[in-house]
Amino acid sequence: MVTTIIKARAATHKKGKIPVKPVELIVRRVDEKRGLTDEVILRLGQDEMDEVAIEHKLIEALHKIAKHMK
């Protein structure tokens, strides 16, 4: 789903409809210590729209979150 959204945004950008800004994936979670937090776990520029690279970055970011939850 993340890759599909990013690809759609990139296609729209190619048509000149939106400005060039990084895509951010924000995770909202509730933590007993910090309460409600929003965390940018992934930020991609227009030149980083490769599915495999996105998948690897996403998995890496989710592993970081999982480590902090322990």
Protein backbone atom coordinates (compact mmCIF):
# COMPACT_ATOMS: atom_id res chain seq x y z
CA MET A 1 0.00 0.00 0.00
CA VAL A 2 2.81 2.42 0.87
CA THR A 3 4.52 1.82 -2.46
CA THR A 4 1.26 2.34 -4.36
CA ILE A 5 0.67 5.69 -2.68
CA ILE A 6 4.22 6.82 -3.37
CA LYS A 7 4.01 5.75 -7.02
CA ALA A 8 0.72 7.60 -7.47
CA ARG A 9 2.24 10.72 -5.98
CA ALA A 10 5.29 10.42 -8.25
CA ALA A 11 3.06 10.04 -11.32
CA THR A 12 1.09 13.14 -10.32
CA HIS A 13 4.34 15.04 -9.84
CA LYS A 14 5.49 14.10 -13.33
CA LYS A 15 2.35 15.75 -14.67
CA GLY A 16 3.37 18.93 -12.85
CA LYS A 17 0.44 18.99 -10.46
CA ILE A 18 2.24 19.09 -7.12
CA PRO A 19 5.49 20.65 -5.87
CA VAL A 20 8.54 18.53 -5.18
CA LYS A 21 8.46 17.68 -1.47
CA PRO A 22 9.61 14.52 0.26
CA VAL A 23 7.01 11.87 1.04
CA GLU A 24 6.80 11.15 4.76
CA LEU A 25 5.36 8.08 6.42
CA ILE A 26 4.23 8.97 9.93
CA VAL A 27 3.39 6.34 12.54
CA ARG A 28 1.11 7.30 15.40
CA ARG A 29 1.35 5.19 18.51
CA VAL A 30 0.48 5.22 22.18
CA ASP A 31 3.24 4.56 24.66
CA GLU A 32 2.78 4.28 28.45
CA LYS A 33 5.82 6.50 29.06
CA ARG A 34 5.34 9.16 26.38
CA GLY A 35 1.62 8.92 25.66
CA LEU A 36 0.49 9.65 22.10
CA THR A 37 3.36 10.23 19.68
CA ASP A 38 3.66 10.82 15.96
CA GLU A 39 6.96 9.74 14.49
CA VAL A 40 8.25 10.18 10.93
CA ILE A 41 9.71 6.76 10.21
CA LEU A 42 10.38 7.20 6.51
CA ARG A 43 11.14 10.20 4.31
CA LEU A 44 11.62 9.73 0.57
CA GLY A 45 12.56 12.19 -2.13
CA GLN A 46 11.23 11.98 -5.69
CA ASP A 47 14.41 10.18 -6.79
CA GLU A 48 13.86 7.31 -4.30
CA MET A 49 10.77 5.69 -5.82
CA ASP A 50 12.16 2.17 -6.29
CA GLU A 51 9.85 -0.46 -4.75
CA VAL A 52 12.66 -2.62 -3.37
CA ALA A 53 14.48 0.34 -1.80
CA ILE A 54 11.22 1.59 -0.25
CA GLU A 55 10.49 -1.85 1.17
CA HIS A 56 13.96 -2.12 2.73
CA LYS A 57 13.74 1.36 4.26
CA LEU A 58 10.27 0.64 5.61
CA ILE A 59 11.32 -2.67 7.20
CA GLU A 60 14.39 -1.00 8.72
CA ALA A 61 12.26 1.80 10.20
CA LEU A 62 9.75 -0.65 11.66
CA HIS A 63 12.58 -2.68 13.25
CA LYS A 64 13.82 0.50 14.95
CA ILE A 65 10.36 1.13 16.39
CA ALA A 66 10.10 -2.47 17.59
CA LYS A 67 13.47 -2.17 19.39
CA HIS A 68 12.35 0.94 21.26
CA MET A 69 9.13 -0.75 22.40
CA LYS A 70 10.97 -3.47 24.36
